[in-house]
Amino acid sequence: MFDKELYQEFVFCSYLLKLLPPTSGEPIDLEGKLKLEFYKL
């Protein structure tokens, strides 16, 4: 019972969480920090 896609999303979100600032008062600029390699509808 291993969901590979769910695990990949978990890894991505846990990495993204480290890039976000602890306060949400200002807009977040992720330009140059993330690269979209694959996009699936």
PDB file of N, CA and C in Angstrom:
ATOM      1  N   MET A   1       0.831  -1.183   0.000  1.00  0.00           N
ATOM      2  CA  MET A   1       0.000   0.000   0.000  1.00  0.00           C
ATOM      3  C   MET A   1       0.876   1.247   0.000  1.00  0.00           C
ATOM      4  N   PHE A   2       1.483   1.526  -1.131  1.00  0.00           N
ATOM      5  CA  PHE A   2       2.348   2.692  -1.259  1.00  0.00           C
ATOM      6  C   PHE A   2       1.869   3.525  -2.435  1.00  0.00           C
ATOM      7  N   ASP A   3       1.506   4.751  -2.175  1.00  0.00           N
ATOM      8  CA  ASP A   3       1.031   5.661  -3.208  1.00  0.00           C
ATOM      9  C   ASP A   3       2.192   6.563  -3.620  1.00  0.00           C
ATOM     10  N   LYS A   4       2.798   6.259  -4.748  1.00  0.00           N
ATOM     11  CA  LYS A   4       3.988   6.973  -5.190  1.00  0.00           C
ATOM     12  C   LYS A   4       3.694   8.452  -5.477  1.00  0.00           C
ATOM     13  N   GLU A   5       2.569   8.743  -6.142  1.00  0.00           N
ATOM     14  CA  GLU A   5       2.237  10.129  -6.467  1.00  0.00           C
ATOM     15  C   GLU A   5       1.967  10.952  -5.210  1.00  0.00           C
ATOM     16  N   LEU A   6       1.295  10.361  -4.236  1.00  0.00           N
ATOM     17  CA  LEU A   6       1.030  11.056  -2.985  1.00  0.00           C
ATOM     18  C   LEU A   6       2.330  11.344  -2.240  1.00  0.00           C
ATOM     19  N   TYR A   7       3.261  10.398  -2.264  1.00  0.00           N
ATOM     20  CA  TYR A   7       4.541  10.599  -1.601  1.00  0.00           C
ATOM     21  C   TYR A   7       5.339  11.704  -2.289  1.00  0.00           C
ATOM     22  N   GLN A   8       5.321  11.748  -3.613  1.00  0.00           N
ATOM     23  CA  GLN A   8       6.034  12.796  -4.342  1.00  0.00           C
ATOM     24  C   GLN A   8       5.448  14.167  -4.026  1.00  0.00           C
ATOM     25  N   GLU A   9       4.132  14.245  -3.911  1.00  0.00           N
ATOM     26  CA  GLU A   9       3.497  15.511  -3.546  1.00  0.00           C
ATOM     27  C   GLU A   9       3.863  15.916  -2.119  1.00  0.00           C
ATOM     28  N   PHE A  10       3.951  14.944  -1.226  1.00  0.00           N
ATOM     29  CA  PHE A  10       4.364  15.220   0.151  1.00  0.00           C
ATOM     30  C   PHE A  10       5.779  15.769   0.198  1.00  0.00           C
ATOM     31  N   VAL A  11       6.683  15.177  -0.561  1.00  0.00           N
ATOM     32  CA  VAL A  11       8.075  15.638  -0.586  1.00  0.00           C
ATOM     33  C   VAL A  11       8.150  17.053  -1.147  1.00  0.00           C
ATOM     34  N   PHE A  12       7.407  17.325  -2.220  1.00  0.00           N
ATOM     35  CA  PHE A  12       7.399  18.664  -2.807  1.00  0.00           C
ATOM     36  C   PHE A  12       6.852  19.688  -1.824  1.00  0.00           C
ATOM     37  N   CYS A  13       5.735  19.367  -1.178  1.00  0.00           N
ATOM     38  CA  CYS A  13       5.118  20.313  -0.244  1.00  0.00           C
ATOM     39  C   CYS A  13       5.984  20.541   0.992  1.00  0.00           C
ATOM     40  N   SER A  14       6.668  19.505   1.457  1.00  0.00           N
ATOM     41  CA  SER A  14       7.533  19.692   2.620  1.00  0.00           C
ATOM     42  C   SER A  14       8.734  20.580   2.259  1.00  0.00           C
ATOM     43  N   TYR A  15       9.240  20.463   1.018  1.00  0.00           N
ATOM     44  CA  TYR A  15      10.315  21.349   0.570  1.00  0.00           C
ATOM     45  C   TYR A  15       9.795  22.779   0.401  1.00  0.00           C
ATOM     46  N   LEU A  16       8.593  22.911  -0.174  1.00  0.00           N
ATOM     47  CA  LEU A  16       8.008  24.228  -0.379  1.00  0.00           C
ATOM     48  C   LEU A  16       7.746  24.924   0.951  1.00  0.00           C
ATOM     49  N   LEU A  17       7.344  24.179   1.955  1.00  0.00           N
ATOM     50  CA  LEU A  17       7.084  24.752   3.269  1.00  0.00           C
ATOM     51  C   LEU A  17       8.340  25.371   3.873  1.00  0.00           C
ATOM     52  N   LYS A  18       9.503  24.803   3.577  1.00  0.00           N
ATOM     53  CA  LYS A  18      10.765  25.353   4.084  1.00  0.00           C
ATOM     54  C   LYS A  18      11.108  26.685   3.416  1.00  0.00           C
ATOM     55  N   LEU A  19      10.618  26.907   2.181  1.00  0.00           N
ATOM     56  CA  LEU A  19      10.904  28.148   1.462  1.00  0.00           C
ATOM     57  C   LEU A  19      10.006  29.301   1.905  1.00  0.00           C
ATOM     58  N   LEU A  20       8.847  28.986   2.461  1.00  0.00           N
ATOM     59  CA  LEU A  20       7.888  30.020   2.833  1.00  0.00           C
ATOM     60  C   LEU A  20       8.296  30.689   4.136  1.00  0.00           C
ATOM     61  N   PRO A  21       8.088  31.994   4.229  1.00  0.00           N
ATOM     62  CA  PRO A  21       8.403  32.697   5.476  1.00  0.00           C
ATOM     63  C   PRO A  21       7.424  32.307   6.581  1.00  0.00           C
ATOM     64  N   PRO A  22       7.827  32.423   7.854  1.00  0.00           N
ATOM     65  CA  PRO A  22       6.950  32.015   8.950  1.00  0.00           C
ATOM     66  C   PRO A  22       5.714  32.892   9.106  1.00  0.00           C
ATOM     67  N   THR A  23       5.772  34.147   8.677  1.00  0.00           N
ATOM     68  CA  THR A  23       4.595  35.021   8.758  1.00  0.00           C
ATOM     69  C   THR A  23       3.971  35.147   7.378  1.00  0.00           C
ATOM     70  N   SER A  24       2.669  35.325   7.334  1.00  0.00           N
ATOM     71  CA  SER A  24       1.985  35.415   6.041  1.00  0.00           C
ATOM     72  C   SER A  24       1.499  36.838   5.761  1.00  0.00           C
ATOM     73  N   GLY A  25       2.153  37.839   6.291  1.00  0.00           N
ATOM     74  CA  GLY A  25       1.724  39.214   6.125  1.00  0.00           C
ATOM     75  C   GLY A  25       2.132  39.855   4.814  1.00  0.00           C
ATOM     76  N   GLU A  26       3.153  39.354   4.160  1.00  0.00           N
ATOM     77  CA  GLU A  26       3.639  39.963   2.929  1.00  0.00           C
ATOM     78  C   GLU A  26       3.538  38.967   1.775  1.00  0.00           C
ATOM     79  N   PRO A  27       3.494  39.455   0.538  1.00  0.00           N
ATOM     80  CA  PRO A  27       3.438  38.553  -0.611  1.00  0.00           C
ATOM     81  C   PRO A  27       4.693  37.675  -0.693  1.00  0.00           C
ATOM     82  N   ILE A  28       4.534  36.484  -1.195  1.00  0.00           N
ATOM     83  CA  ILE A  28       5.634  35.525  -1.275  1.00  0.00           C
ATOM     84  C   ILE A  28       6.208  35.532  -2.691  1.00  0.00           C
ATOM     85  N   ASP A  29       7.509  35.714  -2.802  1.00  0.00           N
ATOM     86  CA  ASP A  29       8.174  35.711  -4.096  1.00  0.00           C
ATOM     87  C   ASP A  29       9.019  34.437  -4.210  1.00  0.00           C
ATOM     88  N   LEU A  30       8.580  33.524  -5.068  1.00  0.00           N
ATOM     89  CA  LEU A  30       9.309  32.273  -5.268  1.00  0.00           C
ATOM     90  C   LEU A  30      10.042  32.257  -6.608  1.00  0.00           C
ATOM     91  N   GLU A  31      10.170  33.434  -7.232  1.00  0.00           N
ATOM     92  CA  GLU A  31      10.848  33.536  -8.512  1.00  0.00           C
ATOM     93  C   GLU A  31      12.302  33.067  -8.384  1.00  0.00           C
ATOM     94  N   GLY A  32      12.700  32.165  -9.216  1.00  0.00           N
ATOM     95  CA  GLY A  32      14.063  31.670  -9.206  1.00  0.00           C
ATOM     96  C   GLY A  32      14.326  30.593  -8.161  1.00  0.00           C
ATOM     97  N   LYS A  33      13.346  30.281  -7.320  1.00  0.00           N
ATOM     98  CA  LYS A  33      13.537  29.258  -6.299  1.00  0.00           C
ATOM     99  C   LYS A  33      12.900  27.930  -6.692  1.00  0.00           C
ATOM    100  N   LEU A  34      11.903  28.011  -7.556  1.00  0.00           N
ATOM    101  CA  LEU A  34      11.210  26.803  -8.010  1.00  0.00           C
ATOM    102  C   LEU A  34      11.261  26.731  -9.525  1.00  0.00           C
ATOM    103  N   LYS A  35      11.349  25.521 -10.031  1.00  0.00           N
ATOM    104  CA  LYS A  35      11.366  25.319 -11.466  1.00  0.00           C
ATOM    105  C   LYS A  35      10.319  24.268 -11.810  1.00  0.00           C
ATOM    106  N   LEU A  36       9.379  24.625 -12.677  1.00  0.00           N
ATOM    107  CA  LEU A  36       8.349  23.692 -13.094  1.00  0.00           C
ATOM    108  C   LEU A  36       8.923  22.829 -14.214  1.00  0.00           C
ATOM    109  N   GLU A  37       9.058  21.534 -13.953  1.00  0.00           N
ATOM    110  CA  GLU A  37       9.585  20.634 -14.948  1.00  0.00           C
ATOM    111  C   GLU A  37       8.483  19.810 -15.611  1.00  0.00           C
ATOM    112  N   PHE A  38       7.448  19.484 -14.871  1.00  0.00           N
ATOM    113  CA  PHE A  38       6.364  18.683 -15.404  1.00  0.00           C
ATOM    114  C   PHE A  38       5.052  19.307 -14.996  1.00  0.00           C
ATOM    115  N   TYR A  39       4.076  19.256 -15.881  1.00  0.00           N
ATOM    116  CA  TYR A  39       2.755  19.767 -15.570  1.00  0.00           C
ATOM    117  C   TYR A  39       1.744  18.764 -16.134  1.00  0.00           C
ATOM    118  N   LYS A  40       0.869  18.306 -15.276  1.00  0.00           N
ATOM    119  CA  LYS A  40      -0.119  17.316 -15.694  1.00  0.00           C
ATOM    120  C   LYS A  40      -1.490  17.796 -15.260  1.00  0.00           C
ATOM    121  N   LEU A  41      -2.434  17.830 -16.196  1.00  0.00           N
ATOM    122  CA  LEU A  41      -3.810  18.216 -15.864  1.00  0.00           C
ATOM    123  C   LEU A  41      -4.510  17.085 -15.165  1.00  0.00           C
TER     124      LEU A  41
END
